[in-house]
Amino acid sequence: MLSTSTRLRLLAILDRVAKGHEVSLSERVYVHKFADRDQTVSSWLKRARRMQQQQQSVDLDSIDNLINDLDLGPSDPNSTFRPDEDDLGEWFGGAPSWLGRS
């Protein structure tokens, strides 16, 4: 459980992350320390990262808003599947032989 002062400090840092303002390394370490231990702080961090990414893209449709409101979207922009660059066949290439088609 977070104390009031810790929660307010975390939310202030995450607000700056969401707005794209400067956040020091020690503040990022501080947030990650709590995000690793507390699921609520982890979801706050994911939401702040998504909000930061959204500021770069102006147009959001209602589906994107719903996904963000439900906290379902990815927090890492590099974790998305890119069909023109990624190949699912290569990804499954390292799977055990029993997993293959018969």
C-alpha atoms as a PDB file:
ATOM      1  CA  MET A   1       0.000   0.000   0.000  1.00  0.00           C
ATOM      2  CA  LEU A   2       1.281   3.430  -0.945  1.00  0.00           C
ATOM      3  CA  SER A   3       1.415   6.354   1.419  1.00  0.00           C
ATOM      4  CA  THR A   4      -0.321   9.537   0.336  1.00  0.00           C
ATOM      5  CA  SER A   5       2.939  11.397  -0.227  1.00  0.00           C
ATOM      6  CA  THR A   6       4.399   8.527  -2.302  1.00  0.00           C
ATOM      7  CA  ARG A   7       1.235   8.239  -4.391  1.00  0.00           C
ATOM      8  CA  LEU A   8       1.167  11.977  -5.059  1.00  0.00           C
ATOM      9  CA  ARG A   9       4.858  12.002  -6.010  1.00  0.00           C
ATOM     10  CA  LEU A  10       4.361   9.054  -8.383  1.00  0.00           C
ATOM     11  CA  LEU A  11       1.319  10.670  -9.998  1.00  0.00           C
ATOM     12  CA  ALA A  12       3.210  13.957 -10.455  1.00  0.00           C
ATOM     13  CA  ILE A  13       6.075  12.169 -12.199  1.00  0.00           C
ATOM     14  CA  LEU A  14       3.692  10.129 -14.355  1.00  0.00           C
ATOM     15  CA  ASP A  15       1.785  13.276 -15.299  1.00  0.00           C
ATOM     16  CA  ARG A  16       5.023  14.743 -16.654  1.00  0.00           C
ATOM     17  CA  VAL A  17       5.732  11.490 -18.521  1.00  0.00           C
ATOM     18  CA  ALA A  18       2.255  11.601 -20.074  1.00  0.00           C
ATOM     19  CA  LYS A  19       2.708  15.208 -21.169  1.00  0.00           C
ATOM     20  CA  GLY A  20       6.138  14.521 -22.642  1.00  0.00           C
ATOM     21  CA  HIS A  21       7.967  16.771 -20.193  1.00  0.00           C
ATOM     22  CA  GLU A  22      11.451  16.093 -18.879  1.00  0.00           C
ATOM     23  CA  VAL A  23      11.759  13.361 -16.225  1.00  0.00           C
ATOM     24  CA  SER A  24      15.104  12.657 -14.573  1.00  0.00           C
ATOM     25  CA  LEU A  25      16.695   9.237 -14.453  1.00  0.00           C
ATOM     26  CA  SER A  26      16.342   9.037 -10.673  1.00  0.00           C
ATOM     27  CA  GLU A  27      12.610   9.764 -10.996  1.00  0.00           C
ATOM     28  CA  ARG A  28      12.237   7.047 -13.630  1.00  0.00           C
ATOM     29  CA  VAL A  29      14.046   4.569 -11.396  1.00  0.00           C
ATOM     30  CA  TYR A  30      11.787   5.616  -8.512  1.00  0.00           C
ATOM     31  CA  VAL A  31       8.642   4.974 -10.588  1.00  0.00           C
ATOM     32  CA  HIS A  32       9.923   1.642 -11.931  1.00  0.00           C
ATOM     33  CA  LYS A  33      10.762   0.484  -8.419  1.00  0.00           C
ATOM     34  CA  PHE A  34       7.111   0.824  -7.450  1.00  0.00           C
ATOM     35  CA  ALA A  35       5.788  -0.375 -10.832  1.00  0.00           C
ATOM     36  CA  ASP A  36       7.677  -3.664 -10.417  1.00  0.00           C
ATOM     37  CA  ARG A  37       6.015  -4.258  -7.040  1.00  0.00           C
ATOM     38  CA  ASP A  38       2.550  -2.751  -7.430  1.00  0.00           C
ATOM     39  CA  GLN A  39       0.139  -3.590 -10.256  1.00  0.00           C
ATOM     40  CA  THR A  40      -1.685  -0.273  -9.851  1.00  0.00           C
ATOM     41  CA  VAL A  41       1.495   1.750 -10.345  1.00  0.00           C
ATOM     42  CA  SER A  42       2.374  -0.455 -13.301  1.00  0.00           C
ATOM     43  CA  SER A  43      -0.967   0.327 -14.964  1.00  0.00           C
ATOM     44  CA  TRP A  44      -0.479   4.045 -14.237  1.00  0.00           C
ATOM     45  CA  LEU A  45       2.910   3.871 -15.966  1.00  0.00           C
ATOM     46  CA  LYS A  46       1.475   2.057 -18.995  1.00  0.00           C
ATOM     47  CA  ARG A  47      -1.317   4.616 -19.276  1.00  0.00           C
ATOM     48  CA  ALA A  48       1.156   7.523 -19.034  1.00  0.00           C
ATOM     49  CA  ARG A  49       3.308   6.012 -21.804  1.00  0.00           C
ATOM     50  CA  ARG A  50       0.273   5.537 -24.033  1.00  0.00           C
ATOM     51  CA  MET A  51      -0.841   9.111 -23.415  1.00  0.00           C
ATOM     52  CA  GLN A  52       2.672  10.280 -24.360  1.00  0.00           C
ATOM     53  CA  GLN A  53       2.476   8.282 -27.590  1.00  0.00           C
ATOM     54  CA  GLN A  54      -0.986   9.657 -28.362  1.00  0.00           C
ATOM     55  CA  GLN A  55       0.262  13.218 -28.234  1.00  0.00           C
ATOM     56  CA  GLN A  56       2.324  12.408 -31.296  1.00  0.00           C
ATOM     57  CA  SER A  57      -0.706  11.142 -33.215  1.00  0.00           C
ATOM     58  CA  VAL A  58      -3.540  13.653 -33.366  1.00  0.00           C
ATOM     59  CA  ASP A  59      -6.362  11.523 -34.807  1.00  0.00           C
ATOM     60  CA  LEU A  60      -7.809   8.821 -32.573  1.00  0.00           C
ATOM     61  CA  ASP A  61     -10.987   7.000 -33.420  1.00  0.00           C
ATOM     62  CA  SER A  62     -13.461   5.678 -30.884  1.00  0.00           C
ATOM     63  CA  ILE A  63     -11.924   2.169 -30.877  1.00  0.00           C
ATOM     64  CA  ASP A  64      -8.526   3.573 -29.896  1.00  0.00           C
ATOM     65  CA  ASN A  65     -10.160   5.611 -27.141  1.00  0.00           C
ATOM     66  CA  LEU A  66     -11.992   2.517 -25.855  1.00  0.00           C
ATOM     67  CA  ILE A  67      -8.798   0.435 -25.829  1.00  0.00           C
ATOM     68  CA  ASN A  68      -6.957   3.171 -23.947  1.00  0.00           C
ATOM     69  CA  ASP A  69      -9.774   3.664 -21.448  1.00  0.00           C
ATOM     70  CA  LEU A  70      -9.839  -0.079 -20.739  1.00  0.00           C
ATOM     71  CA  ASP A  71      -6.041  -0.064 -20.285  1.00  0.00           C
ATOM     72  CA  LEU A  72      -5.585  -2.729 -22.968  1.00  0.00           C
ATOM     73  CA  GLY A  73      -3.132  -1.096 -25.341  1.00  0.00           C
ATOM     74  CA  PRO A  74       0.603  -1.761 -25.399  1.00  0.00           C
ATOM     75  CA  SER A  75       2.871   0.546 -23.476  1.00  0.00           C
ATOM     76  CA  ASP A  76       5.925  -0.167 -25.605  1.00  0.00           C
ATOM     77  CA  PRO A  77       5.779   1.216 -29.168  1.00  0.00           C
ATOM     78  CA  ASN A  78       8.295  -1.428 -30.279  1.00  0.00           C
ATOM     79  CA  SER A  79       6.100  -4.329 -29.164  1.00  0.00           C
ATOM     80  CA  THR A  80       3.548  -4.050 -31.950  1.00  0.00           C
ATOM     81  CA  PHE A  81       3.356  -6.495 -34.840  1.00  0.00           C
ATOM     82  CA  ARG A  82       4.472  -5.018 -38.156  1.00  0.00           C
ATOM     83  CA  PRO A  83       3.213  -7.292 -40.956  1.00  0.00           C
ATOM     84  CA  ASP A  84       5.506  -5.733 -43.560  1.00  0.00           C
ATOM     85  CA  GLU A  85       8.621  -6.404 -41.427  1.00  0.00           C
ATOM     86  CA  ASP A  86       7.708  -9.308 -39.125  1.00  0.00           C
ATOM     87  CA  ASP A  87       7.103 -12.878 -40.248  1.00  0.00           C
ATOM     88  CA  LEU A  88       5.063 -15.175 -38.031  1.00  0.00           C
ATOM     89  CA  GLY A  89       6.650 -18.213 -39.685  1.00  0.00           C
ATOM     90  CA  GLU A  90      10.079 -17.161 -38.424  1.00  0.00           C
ATOM     91  CA  TRP A  91       8.673 -16.473 -34.974  1.00  0.00           C
ATOM     92  CA  PHE A  92       7.256 -19.997 -34.759  1.00  0.00           C
ATOM     93  CA  GLY A  93      10.369 -21.468 -36.401  1.00  0.00           C
ATOM     94  CA  GLY A  94      11.994 -22.170 -33.037  1.00  0.00           C
ATOM     95  CA  ALA A  95       8.989 -24.116 -31.751  1.00  0.00           C
ATOM     96  CA  PRO A  96       9.343 -27.822 -30.849  1.00  0.00           C
ATOM     97  CA  SER A  97       8.618 -30.335 -33.601  1.00  0.00           C
ATOM     98  CA  TRP A  98       5.516 -31.676 -31.861  1.00  0.00           C
ATOM     99  CA  LEU A  99       3.908 -28.251 -32.241  1.00  0.00           C
ATOM    100  CA  GLY A 100       4.133 -28.323 -36.017  1.00  0.00           C
ATOM    101  CA  ARG A 101       1.385 -29.309 -38.432  1.00  0.00           C
ATOM    102  CA  SER A 102       0.779 -32.998 -38.981  1.00  0.00           C
END
